Structures are given as C-alpha cells and as structure tokens.
C-alpha atoms as a PDB file:
ATOM      1  CA  MET A   1       0.025   0.014  -0.004  1.00  0.00           C
ATOM      2  CA  ASP A   2       1.669   3.231  -1.133  1.00  0.00           C
ATOM      3  CA  LYS A   3       1.363   6.550   0.730  1.00  0.00           C
ATOM      4  CA  ARG A   4      -1.602   7.918  -1.238  1.00  0.00           C
ATOM      5  CA  GLU A   5      -3.485   4.596  -0.983  1.00  0.00           C
ATOM      6  CA  LEU A   6      -2.770   4.545   2.754  1.00  0.00           C
ATOM      7  CA  LEU A   7      -4.256   8.017   3.253  1.00  0.00           C
ATOM      8  CA  LYS A   8      -7.357   7.301   1.179  1.00  0.00           C
ATOM      9  CA  ALA A   9      -8.013   3.933   2.806  1.00  0.00           C
ATOM     10  CA  THR A  10      -7.657   5.523   6.257  1.00  0.00           C
ATOM     11  CA  ILE A  11     -10.267   8.147   5.335  1.00  0.00           C
ATOM     12  CA  ARG A  12     -12.618   5.435   4.111  1.00  0.00           C
ATOM     13  CA  GLY A  13     -12.281   3.668   7.463  1.00  0.00           C
ATOM     14  CA  GLU A  14     -10.669   0.571   6.027  1.00  0.00           C
ATOM     15  CA  ARG A  15      -8.228  -1.601   7.920  1.00  0.00           C
ATOM     16  CA  THR A  16      -4.808  -0.521   6.673  1.00  0.00           C
ATOM     17  CA  ASP A  17      -1.409  -2.133   6.986  1.00  0.00           C
ATOM     18  CA  ARG A  18      -0.143   0.758   9.130  1.00  0.00           C
ATOM     19  CA  ILE A  19      -1.300   3.960  10.784  1.00  0.00           C
ATOM     20  CA  PRO A  20      -0.176   7.068   8.865  1.00  0.00           C
ATOM     21  CA  CYS A  21       1.476  10.116  10.432  1.00  0.00           C
ATOM     22  CA  GLY A  22       1.154  13.780   9.544  1.00  0.00           C
ATOM     23  CA  PHE A  23       3.674  16.269  10.936  1.00  0.00           C
ATOM     24  CA  TRP A  24       4.626  19.764   9.738  1.00  0.00           C
ATOM     25  CA  HIS A  25       6.060  23.024  10.929  1.00  0.00           C
ATOM     26  CA  HIS A  26       6.681  26.564   9.701  1.00  0.00           C
ATOM     27  CA  PHE A  27      10.176  27.253   8.361  1.00  0.00           C
ATOM     28  CA  SER A  28      12.473  30.125   9.313  1.00  0.00           C
ATOM     29  CA  ASP A  29      11.844  33.464   7.607  1.00  0.00           C
ATOM     30  CA  ASP A  30      14.602  32.970   5.069  1.00  0.00           C
ATOM     31  CA  LYS A  31      12.951  29.696   3.991  1.00  0.00           C
ATOM     32  CA  SER A  32       9.309  30.802   4.024  1.00  0.00           C
ATOM     33  CA  THR A  33       8.739  31.531   0.309  1.00  0.00           C
ATOM     34  CA  GLY A  34      10.099  30.849  -3.136  1.00  0.00           C
ATOM     35  CA  GLU A  35      12.853  28.376  -3.989  1.00  0.00           C
ATOM     36  CA  ALA A  36      14.117  28.361  -0.411  1.00  0.00           C
ATOM     37  CA  SER A  37      10.664  27.222   0.760  1.00  0.00           C
ATOM     38  CA  ILE A  38      10.520  24.526  -1.917  1.00  0.00           C
ATOM     39  CA  LEU A  39      13.904  23.141  -0.851  1.00  0.00           C
ATOM     40  CA  ALA A  40      12.969  23.328   2.832  1.00  0.00           C
ATOM     41  CA  HIS A  41       9.791  21.266   2.244  1.00  0.00           C
ATOM     42  CA  LEU A  42      11.714  18.670   0.252  1.00  0.00           C
ATOM     43  CA  ASP A  43      14.429  18.475   2.906  1.00  0.00           C
ATOM     44  CA  PHE A  44      11.764  17.964   5.561  1.00  0.00           C
ATOM     45  CA  PHE A  45      10.146  15.200   3.508  1.00  0.00           C
ATOM     46  CA  ASN A  46      13.458  13.453   2.935  1.00  0.00           C
ATOM     47  CA  ALA A  47      14.452  13.726   6.598  1.00  0.00           C
ATOM     48  CA  ILE A  48      11.444  11.730   7.830  1.00  0.00           C
ATOM     49  CA  ASP A  49      10.102  10.075   4.654  1.00  0.00           C
ATOM     50  CA  ALA A  50       6.788  11.725   5.425  1.00  0.00           C
ATOM     51  CA  ASP A  51       3.468   9.944   4.806  1.00  0.00           C
ATOM     52  CA  ILE A  52       1.884  13.296   3.913  1.00  0.00           C
ATOM     53  CA  LEU A  53       3.505  16.569   2.831  1.00  0.00           C
ATOM     54  CA  LYS A  54       1.607  19.674   3.867  1.00  0.00           C
ATOM     55  CA  VAL A  55       2.831  22.773   2.065  1.00  0.00           C
ATOM     56  CA  MET A  56       2.991  25.726   4.401  1.00  0.00           C
ATOM     57  CA  ASN A  57       1.408  28.936   3.106  1.00  0.00           C
ATOM     58  CA  GLU A  58       3.150  32.137   4.173  1.00  0.00           C
ATOM     59  CA  HIS A  59       1.343  34.298   1.575  1.00  0.00           C
ATOM     60  CA  ARG A  60      -1.174  36.438   3.418  1.00  0.00           C
ATOM     61  CA  TYR A  61      -4.540  37.579   2.144  1.00  0.00           C
ATOM     62  CA  HIS A  62      -4.808  41.214   1.179  1.00  0.00           C
ATOM     63  CA  ILE A  63      -7.664  43.501   0.151  1.00  0.00           C
ATOM     64  CA  PRO A  64      -7.533  46.610  -2.047  1.00  0.00           C
ATOM     65  CA  ILE A  65      -9.392  48.947   0.339  1.00  0.00           C
ATOM     66  CA  SER A  66      -8.765  50.397   3.765  1.00  0.00           C
ATOM     67  CA  ILE A  67     -10.921  49.084   6.626  1.00  0.00           C
ATOM     68  CA  THR A  68     -11.430  51.353   9.598  1.00  0.00           C
ATOM     69  CA  ASN A  69     -15.162  51.023  10.373  1.00  0.00           C
ATOM     70  CA  PRO A  70     -17.449  48.007  10.418  1.00  0.00           C
ATOM     71  CA  SER A  71     -19.412  49.419   7.450  1.00  0.00           C
ATOM     72  CA  ASP A  72     -16.246  49.355   5.300  1.00  0.00           C
ATOM     73  CA  TRP A  73     -16.483  45.562   5.040  1.00  0.00           C
ATOM     74  CA  MET A  74     -19.614  45.960   2.902  1.00  0.00           C
ATOM     75  CA  ARG A  75     -17.487  47.425   0.086  1.00  0.00           C
ATOM     76  CA  LEU A  76     -15.410  44.291  -0.364  1.00  0.00           C
ATOM     77  CA  GLN A  77     -15.841  42.230  -3.540  1.00  0.00           C
ATOM     78  CA  ALA A  78     -14.590  38.765  -4.422  1.00  0.00           C
ATOM     79  CA  GLN A  79     -11.168  39.054  -6.089  1.00  0.00           C
ATOM     80  CA  ASN A  80      -9.884  37.551  -9.319  1.00  0.00           C
ATOM     81  CA  PHE A  81      -7.151  35.062  -8.628  1.00  0.00           C
ATOM     82  CA  SER A  82      -4.590  37.225 -10.434  1.00  0.00           C
ATOM     83  CA  ASP A  83      -5.305  39.983  -7.903  1.00  0.00           C
ATOM     84  CA  THR A  84      -4.605  37.775  -4.849  1.00  0.00           C
ATOM     85  CA  PRO A  85      -1.189  37.033  -3.323  1.00  0.00           C
ATOM     86  CA  TYR A  86      -1.539  33.326  -4.093  1.00  0.00           C
ATOM     87  CA  GLU A  87       0.078  33.023  -7.531  1.00  0.00           C
ATOM     88  CA  ALA A  88       3.474  32.609  -5.890  1.00  0.00           C
ATOM     89  CA  TYR A  89       2.137  29.982  -3.526  1.00  0.00           C
ATOM     90  CA  LEU A  90       0.584  28.081  -6.418  1.00  0.00           C
ATOM     91  CA  ASP A  91       3.998  28.061  -8.137  1.00  0.00           C
ATOM     92  CA  GLU A  92       5.602  26.683  -4.958  1.00  0.00           C
ATOM     93  CA  VAL A  93       3.014  23.909  -4.718  1.00  0.00           C
ATOM     94  CA  LYS A  94       3.460  22.906  -8.355  1.00  0.00           C
ATOM     95  CA  GLU A  95       7.230  22.799  -8.049  1.00  0.00           C
ATOM     96  CA  ILE A  96       7.169  20.768  -4.831  1.00  0.00           C
ATOM     97  CA  LYS A  97       4.733  18.300  -6.395  1.00  0.00           C
ATOM     98  CA  LYS A  98       7.003  17.981  -9.427  1.00  0.00           C
ATOM     99  CA  ARG A  99       9.967  17.032  -7.244  1.00  0.00           C
ATOM    100  CA  LEU A 100       8.203  14.612  -4.872  1.00  0.00           C
ATOM    101  CA  PRO A 101       7.827  10.874  -5.380  1.00  0.00           C
ATOM    102  CA  ASN A 102       4.581  10.205  -7.210  1.00  0.00           C
ATOM    103  CA  ASP A 103       2.851   8.427  -4.325  1.00  0.00           C
ATOM    104  CA  VAL A 104       3.222  11.205  -1.756  1.00  0.00           C
ATOM    105  CA  PRO A 105      -0.041  12.997  -0.958  1.00  0.00           C
ATOM    106  CA  ILE A 106       0.462  16.730  -1.181  1.00  0.00           C
ATOM    107  CA  ILE A 107      -1.786  18.915   0.992  1.00  0.00           C
ATOM    108  CA  ALA A 108      -2.090  22.649   0.359  1.00  0.00           C
ATOM    109  CA  THR A 109      -2.771  25.144   3.141  1.00  0.00           C
ATOM    110  CA  VAL A 110      -5.651  27.661   2.953  1.00  0.00           C
ATOM    111  CA  HIS A 111      -6.064  30.097   5.825  1.00  0.00           C
ATOM    112  CA  GLY A 112      -9.613  30.432   7.137  1.00  0.00           C
ATOM    113  CA  VAL A 113     -12.037  33.200   6.224  1.00  0.00           C
ATOM    114  CA  LEU A 114     -11.834  35.048   9.519  1.00  0.00           C
ATOM    115  CA  VAL A 115      -8.064  34.930   9.851  1.00  0.00           C
ATOM    116  CA  SER A 116      -7.735  35.934   6.191  1.00  0.00           C
ATOM    117  CA  ALA A 117      -9.764  39.075   7.007  1.00  0.00           C
ATOM    118  CA  TYR A 118      -7.379  39.657   9.915  1.00  0.00           C
ATOM    119  CA  HIS A 119      -4.248  39.157   7.744  1.00  0.00           C
ATOM    120  CA  ALA A 120      -5.602  41.761   5.323  1.00  0.00           C
ATOM    121  CA  THR A 121      -6.217  44.441   7.947  1.00  0.00           C
ATOM    122  CA  GLU A 122      -3.732  44.079  10.811  1.00  0.00           C
ATOM    123  CA  THR A 123      -0.121  43.260  11.614  1.00  0.00           C
ATOM    124  CA  PRO A 124       0.474  39.490  12.011  1.00  0.00           C
ATOM    125  CA  GLY A 125       0.767  38.109  15.519  1.00  0.00           C
ATOM    126  CA  ASN A 126      -2.242  39.711  17.240  1.00  0.00           C
ATOM    127  CA  PHE A 127      -5.072  37.455  16.167  1.00  0.00           C
ATOM    128  CA  SER A 128      -5.160  35.700  19.550  1.00  0.00           C
ATOM    129  CA  ASN A 129      -6.226  38.965  21.113  1.00  0.00           C
ATOM    130  CA  PRO A 130     -10.055  38.938  20.927  1.00  0.00           C
ATOM    131  CA  GLU A 131      -9.980  42.710  20.663  1.00  0.00           C
ATOM    132  CA  ASN A 132      -8.353  42.732  17.235  1.00  0.00           C
ATOM    133  CA  MET A 133     -10.217  44.872  14.764  1.00  0.00           C
ATOM    134  CA  VAL A 134     -12.020  42.239  12.741  1.00  0.00           C
ATOM    135  CA  SER A 135     -13.298  40.539  15.898  1.00  0.00           C
ATOM    136  CA  GLN A 136     -14.469  43.838  17.340  1.00  0.00           C
ATOM    137  CA  HIS A 137     -16.186  44.818  14.102  1.00  0.00           C
ATOM    138  CA  LEU A 138     -17.934  41.460  13.836  1.00  0.00           C
ATOM    139  CA  ARG A 139     -19.326  41.755  17.352  1.00  0.00           C
ATOM    140  CA  LYS A 140     -20.428  45.346  16.712  1.00  0.00           C
ATOM    141  CA  GLU A 141     -21.995  45.064  13.214  1.00  0.00           C
ATOM    142  CA  PRO A 142     -22.169  41.398  12.232  1.00  0.00           C
ATOM    143  CA  GLU A 143     -24.361  41.902   9.171  1.00  0.00           C
ATOM    144  CA  SER A 144     -21.964  44.487   7.693  1.00  0.00           C
ATOM    145  CA  VAL A 145     -18.868  42.410   8.333  1.00  0.00           C
ATOM    146  CA  ALA A 146     -20.557  39.270   7.031  1.00  0.00           C
ATOM    147  CA  ARG A 147     -20.890  40.916   3.607  1.00  0.00           C
ATOM    148  CA  GLY A 148     -17.095  41.287   3.508  1.00  0.00           C
ATOM    149  CA  LEU A 149     -16.504  37.799   4.827  1.00  0.00           C
ATOM    150  CA  GLN A 150     -18.642  36.395   2.031  1.00  0.00           C
ATOM    151  CA  SER A 151     -16.415  38.064  -0.550  1.00  0.00           C
ATOM    152  CA  ILE A 152     -13.324  36.539   1.135  1.00  0.00           C
ATOM    153  CA  THR A 153     -15.078  33.140   1.169  1.00  0.00           C
ATOM    154  CA  ASP A 154     -15.775  33.387  -2.559  1.00  0.00           C
ATOM    155  CA  THR A 155     -12.137  34.344  -3.215  1.00  0.00           C
ATOM    156  CA  LEU A 156     -10.811  31.411  -1.141  1.00  0.00           C
ATOM    157  CA  ILE A 157     -13.077  28.982  -2.988  1.00  0.00           C
ATOM    158  CA  GLY A 158     -11.580  30.269  -6.208  1.00  0.00           C
ATOM    159  CA  PHE A 159      -8.162  29.656  -4.723  1.00  0.00           C
ATOM    160  CA  CYS A 160      -9.155  26.063  -3.868  1.00  0.00           C
ATOM    161  CA  LYS A 161     -10.196  25.518  -7.469  1.00  0.00           C
ATOM    162  CA  ARG A 162      -6.785  26.642  -8.697  1.00  0.00           C
ATOM    163  CA  LEU A 163      -5.079  24.305  -6.194  1.00  0.00           C
ATOM    164  CA  ALA A 164      -7.248  21.417  -7.482  1.00  0.00           C
ATOM    165  CA  GLU A 165      -6.144  22.220 -11.031  1.00  0.00           C
ATOM    166  CA  ALA A 166      -2.504  22.138  -9.819  1.00  0.00           C
ATOM    167  CA  GLY A 167      -3.014  18.522  -8.737  1.00  0.00           C
ATOM    168  CA  VAL A 168      -2.990  18.692  -4.928  1.00  0.00           C
ATOM    169  CA  ASP A 169      -4.563  15.776  -3.068  1.00  0.00           C
ATOM    170  CA  GLY A 170      -6.214  17.833  -0.426  1.00  0.00           C
ATOM    171  CA  ILE A 171      -6.534  21.153   1.385  1.00  0.00           C
ATOM    172  CA  TYR A 172      -5.748  21.876   5.008  1.00  0.00           C
ATOM    173  CA  TYR A 173      -8.224  24.585   5.924  1.00  0.00           C
ATOM    174  CA  ALA A 174      -7.165  26.471   9.037  1.00  0.00           C
ATOM    175  CA  ALA A 175     -10.367  27.718  10.709  1.00  0.00           C
ATOM    176  CA  LEU A 176     -10.139  30.300  13.486  1.00  0.00           C
ATOM    177  CA  GLY A 177     -12.755  32.099  15.517  1.00  0.00           C
ATOM    178  CA  GLY A 178     -14.182  29.246  17.563  1.00  0.00           C
ATOM    179  CA  GLU A 179     -12.256  30.092  20.721  1.00  0.00           C
ATOM    180  CA  SER A 180     -14.569  30.457  23.734  1.00  0.00           C
ATOM    181  CA  TYR A 181     -13.206  33.895  24.617  1.00  0.00           C
ATOM    182  CA  ARG A 182     -13.802  35.485  21.179  1.00  0.00           C
ATOM    183  CA  PHE A 183     -17.472  35.253  20.264  1.00  0.00           C
ATOM    184  CA  THR A 184     -20.689  33.996  21.788  1.00  0.00           C
ATOM    185  CA  PRO A 185     -21.833  30.622  20.454  1.00  0.00           C
ATOM    186  CA  ALA A 186     -24.788  32.319  18.754  1.00  0.00           C
ATOM    187  CA  LEU A 187     -22.615  34.854  16.927  1.00  0.00           C
ATOM    188  CA  PHE A 188     -20.182  32.160  15.846  1.00  0.00           C
ATOM    189  CA  GLU A 189     -22.963  29.881  14.561  1.00  0.00           C
ATOM    190  CA  SER A 190     -24.512  32.713  12.538  1.00  0.00           C
ATOM    191  CA  TYR A 191     -21.520  34.702  11.268  1.00  0.00           C
ATOM    192  CA  VAL A 192     -18.379  32.506  11.238  1.00  0.00           C
ATOM    193  CA  LYS A 193     -19.347  28.842  10.870  1.00  0.00           C
ATOM    194  CA  PRO A 194     -21.372  29.288   7.671  1.00  0.00           C
ATOM    195  CA  PHE A 195     -18.333  30.654   5.821  1.00  0.00           C
ATOM    196  CA  ASP A 196     -16.026  27.891   7.018  1.00  0.00           C
ATOM    197  CA  LYS A 197     -18.673  25.348   5.963  1.00  0.00           C
ATOM    198  CA  GLN A 198     -18.900  26.893   2.495  1.00  0.00           C
ATOM    199  CA  VAL A 199     -15.179  26.433   1.940  1.00  0.00           C
ATOM    200  CA  ILE A 200     -15.123  22.858   3.234  1.00  0.00           C
ATOM    201  CA  ASP A 201     -18.149  21.991   1.099  1.00  0.00           C
ATOM    202  CA  ALA A 202     -16.411  23.474  -1.948  1.00  0.00           C
ATOM    203  CA  ILE A 203     -13.236  21.424  -1.249  1.00  0.00           C
ATOM    204  CA  ASN A 204     -15.390  18.281  -1.062  1.00  0.00           C
ATOM    205  CA  GLU A 205     -17.170  19.150  -4.310  1.00  0.00           C
ATOM    206  CA  LEU A 206     -13.792  19.542  -6.006  1.00  0.00           C
ATOM    207  CA  GLY A 207     -13.021  15.929  -5.138  1.00  0.00           C
ATOM    208  CA  LEU A 208     -10.186  16.887  -2.815  1.00  0.00           C
ATOM    209  CA  ILE A 209      -9.437  15.595   0.685  1.00  0.00           C
ATOM    210  CA  SER A 210     -10.747  18.189   3.148  1.00  0.00           C
ATOM    211  CA  ILE A 211      -8.871  18.736   6.393  1.00  0.00           C
ATOM    212  CA  LEU A 212     -10.562  20.981   8.951  1.00  0.00           C
ATOM    213  CA  HIS A 213      -7.885  22.331  11.288  1.00  0.00           C
ATOM    214  CA  ILE A 214      -9.561  24.154  14.180  1.00  0.00           C
ATOM    215  CA  CYS A 215      -6.769  26.443  15.317  1.00  0.00           C
ATOM    216  CA  LYS A 216      -6.039  28.168  18.640  1.00  0.00           C
ATOM    217  CA  ASP A 217      -6.914  27.291  22.215  1.00  0.00           C
ATOM    218  CA  LYS A 218     -10.119  26.776  24.160  1.00  0.00           C
ATOM    219  CA  VAL A 219     -12.083  25.915  21.023  1.00  0.00           C
ATOM    220  CA  MET A 220     -15.857  25.346  21.270  1.00  0.00           C
ATOM    221  CA  LEU A 221     -15.529  22.071  19.448  1.00  0.00           C
ATOM    222  CA  PRO A 222     -19.237  21.089  19.474  1.00  0.00           C
ATOM    223  CA  LEU A 223     -20.043  24.210  17.397  1.00  0.00           C
ATOM    224  CA  TYR A 224     -18.130  22.691  14.459  1.00  0.00           C
ATOM    225  CA  GLU A 225     -20.509  19.743  14.215  1.00  0.00           C
ATOM    226  CA  GLY A 226     -22.072  19.680  10.759  1.00  0.00           C
ATOM    227  CA  ILE A 227     -18.954  20.821   8.924  1.00  0.00           C
ATOM    228  CA  ASP A 228     -18.328  17.636   6.971  1.00  0.00           C
ATOM    229  CA  ALA A 229     -14.573  17.439   6.553  1.00  0.00           C
ATOM    230  CA  ASP A 230     -12.801  14.174   5.766  1.00  0.00           C
ATOM    231  CA  ILE A 231     -10.204  14.852   8.474  1.00  0.00           C
ATOM    232  CA  VAL A 232     -10.485  16.971  11.636  1.00  0.00           C
ATOM    233  CA  ASN A 233      -7.604  18.291  13.768  1.00  0.00           C
ATOM    234  CA  TRP A 234      -7.689  20.539  16.842  1.00  0.00           C
ATOM    235  CA  ALA A 235      -5.603  21.354  19.920  1.00  0.00           C
ATOM    236  CA  ILE A 236      -6.667  18.610  22.331  1.00  0.00           C
ATOM    237  CA  HIS A 237      -4.048  19.782  24.855  1.00  0.00           C
ATOM    238  CA  GLU A 238      -5.512  23.316  24.964  1.00  0.00           C
ATOM    239  CA  CYS A 239      -9.209  22.582  25.300  1.00  0.00           C
ATOM    240  CA  GLN A 240     -11.540  20.256  27.168  1.00  0.00           C
ATOM    241  CA  TYR A 241     -12.201  18.007  24.181  1.00  0.00           C
ATOM    242  CA  GLY A 242      -9.885  15.057  23.576  1.00  0.00           C
ATOM    243  CA  LEU A 243      -9.839  12.561  20.721  1.00  0.00           C
ATOM    244  CA  ARG A 244     -12.456  10.389  22.356  1.00  0.00           C
ATOM    245  CA  GLU A 245     -14.914  13.317  22.527  1.00  0.00           C
ATOM    246  CA  GLY A 246     -14.047  14.208  18.965  1.00  0.00           C
ATOM    247  CA  ARG A 247     -15.277  10.840  17.809  1.00  0.00           C
ATOM    248  CA  ASN A 248     -18.705  11.817  19.050  1.00  0.00           C
ATOM    249  CA  PHE A 249     -18.729  15.201  17.295  1.00  0.00           C
ATOM    250  CA  PHE A 250     -17.275  13.906  14.022  1.00  0.00           C
ATOM    251  CA  PRO A 251     -18.267  10.232  13.811  1.00  0.00           C
ATOM    252  CA  ALA A 252     -17.614   9.934  10.054  1.00  0.00           C
ATOM    253  CA  ALA A 253     -14.321  11.812  10.029  1.00  0.00           C
ATOM    254  CA  THR A 254     -10.734  10.710  10.376  1.00  0.00           C
ATOM    255  CA  LEU A 255      -9.065  12.299  13.382  1.00  0.00           C
ATOM    256  CA  LEU A 256      -5.591  13.826  13.079  1.00  0.00           C
ATOM    257  CA  GLY A 257      -3.491  14.553  16.139  1.00  0.00           C
ATOM    258  CA  GLY A 258      -2.685  13.269  19.586  1.00  0.00           C
ATOM    259  CA  PHE A 259       0.675  14.917  20.411  1.00  0.00           C
ATOM    260  CA  ASP A 260       1.174  18.335  21.997  1.00  0.00           C
ATOM    261  CA  ASP A 261       2.813  20.602  19.412  1.00  0.00           C
ATOM    262  CA  ARG A 262       4.804  22.973  21.592  1.00  0.00           C
ATOM    263  CA  SER A 263       5.918  20.854  24.548  1.00  0.00           C
ATOM    264  CA  GLY A 264       5.916  17.246  25.637  1.00  0.00           C
ATOM    265  CA  VAL A 265       7.509  14.083  24.335  1.00  0.00           C
ATOM    266  CA  LEU A 266       7.481  14.895  20.624  1.00  0.00           C
ATOM    267  CA  VAL A 267       9.565  18.000  21.392  1.00  0.00           C
ATOM    268  CA  ASP A 268      11.945  16.683  24.032  1.00  0.00           C
ATOM    269  CA  GLY A 269      10.996  13.105  24.925  1.00  0.00           C
ATOM    270  CA  SER A 270      12.765   9.792  24.643  1.00  0.00           C
ATOM    271  CA  THR A 271      11.997   6.997  22.188  1.00  0.00           C
ATOM    272  CA  THR A 272      10.154   5.063  24.894  1.00  0.00           C
ATOM    273  CA  GLN A 273       8.062   8.097  25.867  1.00  0.00           C
ATOM    274  CA  ILE A 274       7.083   8.741  22.258  1.00  0.00           C
ATOM    275  CA  GLU A 275       6.064   5.123  21.740  1.00  0.00           C
ATOM    276  CA  ASN A 276       4.068   5.091  24.991  1.00  0.00           C
ATOM    277  CA  GLU A 277       2.276   8.275  23.904  1.00  0.00           C
ATOM    278  CA  ILE A 278       1.284   6.674  20.602  1.00  0.00           C
ATOM    279  CA  ASP A 279      -0.131   3.670  22.497  1.00  0.00           C
ATOM    280  CA  SER A 280      -2.195   6.103  24.572  1.00  0.00           C
ATOM    281  CA  ILE A 281      -3.415   7.971  21.479  1.00  0.00           C
ATOM    282  CA  ILE A 282      -4.555   4.751  19.825  1.00  0.00           C
ATOM    283  CA  GLN A 283      -6.292   3.641  23.033  1.00  0.00           C
ATOM    284  CA  MET A 284      -8.196   6.961  23.146  1.00  0.00           C
ATOM    285  CA  ALA A 285      -9.075   7.290  19.475  1.00  0.00           C
ATOM    286  CA  GLY A 286      -9.139   3.747  18.190  1.00  0.00           C
ATOM    287  CA  ARG A 287      -6.936   2.470  15.398  1.00  0.00           C
ATOM    288  CA  ASN A 288      -9.164   3.132  12.374  1.00  0.00           C
ATOM    289  CA  ARG A 289      -9.728   6.597  10.877  1.00  0.00           C
ATOM    290  CA  LEU A 290      -6.714   7.879  12.758  1.00  0.00           C
ATOM    291  CA  ILE A 291      -3.669   9.844  11.575  1.00  0.00           C
ATOM    292  CA  ILE A 292      -1.012  10.321  14.260  1.00  0.00           C
ATOM    293  CA  GLY A 293      -0.054  13.969  14.400  1.00  0.00           C
ATOM    294  CA  ALA A 294       0.134  17.028  16.632  1.00  0.00           C
ATOM    295  CA  ASP A 295      -2.262  19.719  17.831  1.00  0.00           C
ATOM    296  CA  CYS A 296      -0.853  22.220  15.337  1.00  0.00           C
ATOM    297  CA  THR A 297       2.468  23.102  13.677  1.00  0.00           C
ATOM    298  CA  LEU A 298       5.564  21.952  15.523  1.00  0.00           C
ATOM    299  CA  PRO A 299       8.542  24.190  16.368  1.00  0.00           C
ATOM    300  CA  PHE A 300      10.624  24.731  13.214  1.00  0.00           C
ATOM    301  CA  ASP A 301      13.686  23.333  14.946  1.00  0.00           C
ATOM    302  CA  VAL A 302      11.983  20.090  16.035  1.00  0.00           C
ATOM    303  CA  THR A 303      14.364  17.144  15.923  1.00  0.00           C
ATOM    304  CA  ALA A 304      13.681  14.959  12.908  1.00  0.00           C
ATOM    305  CA  TRP A 305      14.624  11.714  14.654  1.00  0.00           C
ATOM    306  CA  ARG A 306      11.709  12.081  17.062  1.00  0.00           C
ATOM    307  CA  LEU A 307       9.276  12.413  14.168  1.00  0.00           C
ATOM    308  CA  CYS A 308      10.878   9.299  12.622  1.00  0.00           C
ATOM    309  CA  VAL A 309      10.402   7.397  15.895  1.00  0.00           C
ATOM    310  CA  ALA A 310       6.712   8.367  15.962  1.00  0.00           C
ATOM    311  CA  LYS A 311       6.170   7.467  12.322  1.00  0.00           C
ATOM    312  CA  ASN A 312       8.028   4.161  12.512  1.00  0.00           C
ATOM    313  CA  TYR A 313       6.193   3.074  15.661  1.00  0.00           C
ATOM    314  CA  ALA A 314       2.803   4.094  14.228  1.00  0.00           C
ATOM    315  CA  HIS A 315       3.598   1.992  11.172  1.00  0.00           C
ATOM    316  CA  LEU A 316       3.875  -1.084  13.436  1.00  0.00           C
ATOM    317  CA  HIS A 317       0.208  -0.823  14.381  1.00  0.00           C
END
C-alpha cells in the first residue's frame, strides 16, 4: 500500500497495513517563500520520509481597500485570482509536487475566512487577542462584516479551485474564531461557521481531501458539528475535548493529532516516551480513521529523529 493509498483507505475507514502520520512546521523566515521554501519542504520530507507533505502557506490575504469602520467591510468584492497574493504559492506547490515521489499526498494550506480578514487588515501576531479589529467589528455590526467575509469566502473557494487544477490531493483549511473567549456561540454559529462550511463543502465538491484544522486554544468544538470534513484536527491539549470526545462530534471523520505541538514528548521526549504516547493515542481514538499527528504546527527546529520514531512506531500498528 503506497502513501496515497494509505491516506485514502484511512479516510474510508478501512483496515490498513499501518497507521499514517502527519507532521509539519513553519520554516524560518529565510525559507518561508520561493525556492528556499521549496527546498525546505523537500528536505523535511526526505528527513522523515513523510506519509503526507503539507505545504505551508506564508502568503497572506490582502484586500484593495482600507478598513477602519465596520461598514467598510460591505465594500469588499470577491477578487480575481490574479489579484490575490496566491500566484506565488501556487507556483511553490506545483514545483514541490514535481519534485516529490509520485505516491506522496500533497496537501495545500488555505487560511480560514476570519483569519484571512485579519491578515488583510492588521499586523500578524495579534489574532489571539479577541480585541483585534475584525473581531471587534464582527461583534459590533455582524451583518456588515458578514458581507465582506462572504467576498473573502468566494475568493478562497476560487483559490481552492486553482489548487485542485494544480493537482494537490487535499486542502488543510485552518479555521479560526471558535475560541470560547472570542465570540458567543450564537454569533459564531450565525456569522463565522457558515463561511467555514462553504469552503469545506467546496473542497469536497472539487473531489479533494478536506482537512478541517480548528486552530487556537479553548475551542468550542461542538459548534463545528455539521462541517463535513474528511479529516479533523484541533488542539486537544488546549481545550476540554480530547480525541475520544471528537469521535462523538465527528463520527464519520478521520481524526488527526494526539501529540502536543509545543511541549511534551514529541519536542523533548525519549524513544520510549514517544512510543508510549502513541499507544495512549490509539487507546483513546481507536486504530481506524486515525492519523497520528500534533495539535498544530511543531517548532521549526523540532528534531527529525523524534518524528521518525513516531512514524516508525505508528507503522507497526
């Protein structure tokens, strides 16, 4: 069973000859875009013989107008692909795919609707603050901001279509906004979730593997029920919902995760500790429809041998 067959069989819930792993991390600034990024991804793949290669996306959404008031969001329109910052990312994805072994599933990264709005209007690094501008505007005038979020949704769906044409196997959609300290459940259900669902539905309709990554801490995981992604990943170490609970919320999905991404045995543990953690993950989540991974991106200087230990031990199950 080659790597692509392994991933697809796992998603279908079939008994496979091994459990796949999915690990990734951001690269240093000098390796974040262009040829340097391409080489960094290939080096990472070669270092661990990865089951899945997720291509990091460091190209941030931008919009052609200035946003200062909630009503400004109503002036946004969906953008032509040539007017987005994603042409360069598409070139990186195509080149990485060209240089990978044929059986390696390549997963592209698409930042979620809400965080794309944030990237277009504020300096990176402040999204976790629930008082950032887009979050404040959405709480103040949700109908106005929703008009703008719909235009971003339409643009991202166009981006997904271009990625499908480039031959990716799937899309890792990084959804943000479901943190318990940001919005009320009612506001999230009405003005954030529908846009995330539109993108995931579009990915499914394109025949691609859909990965719903629910980013950040203290996520209100039950609110994501009904978003029908093939694979779901969230920070189990930073919320009250573990893999066992996730099975209840997403009974038809494959779960991705298990390891803490910023501390713990995958960052500084021994071989035995890593293997014991995998045994615990399998006990919690069950063997089928499981991809061993982490809560989110790992530190860029994570030691490759620990990832190899995790992958090799998962492959024994």
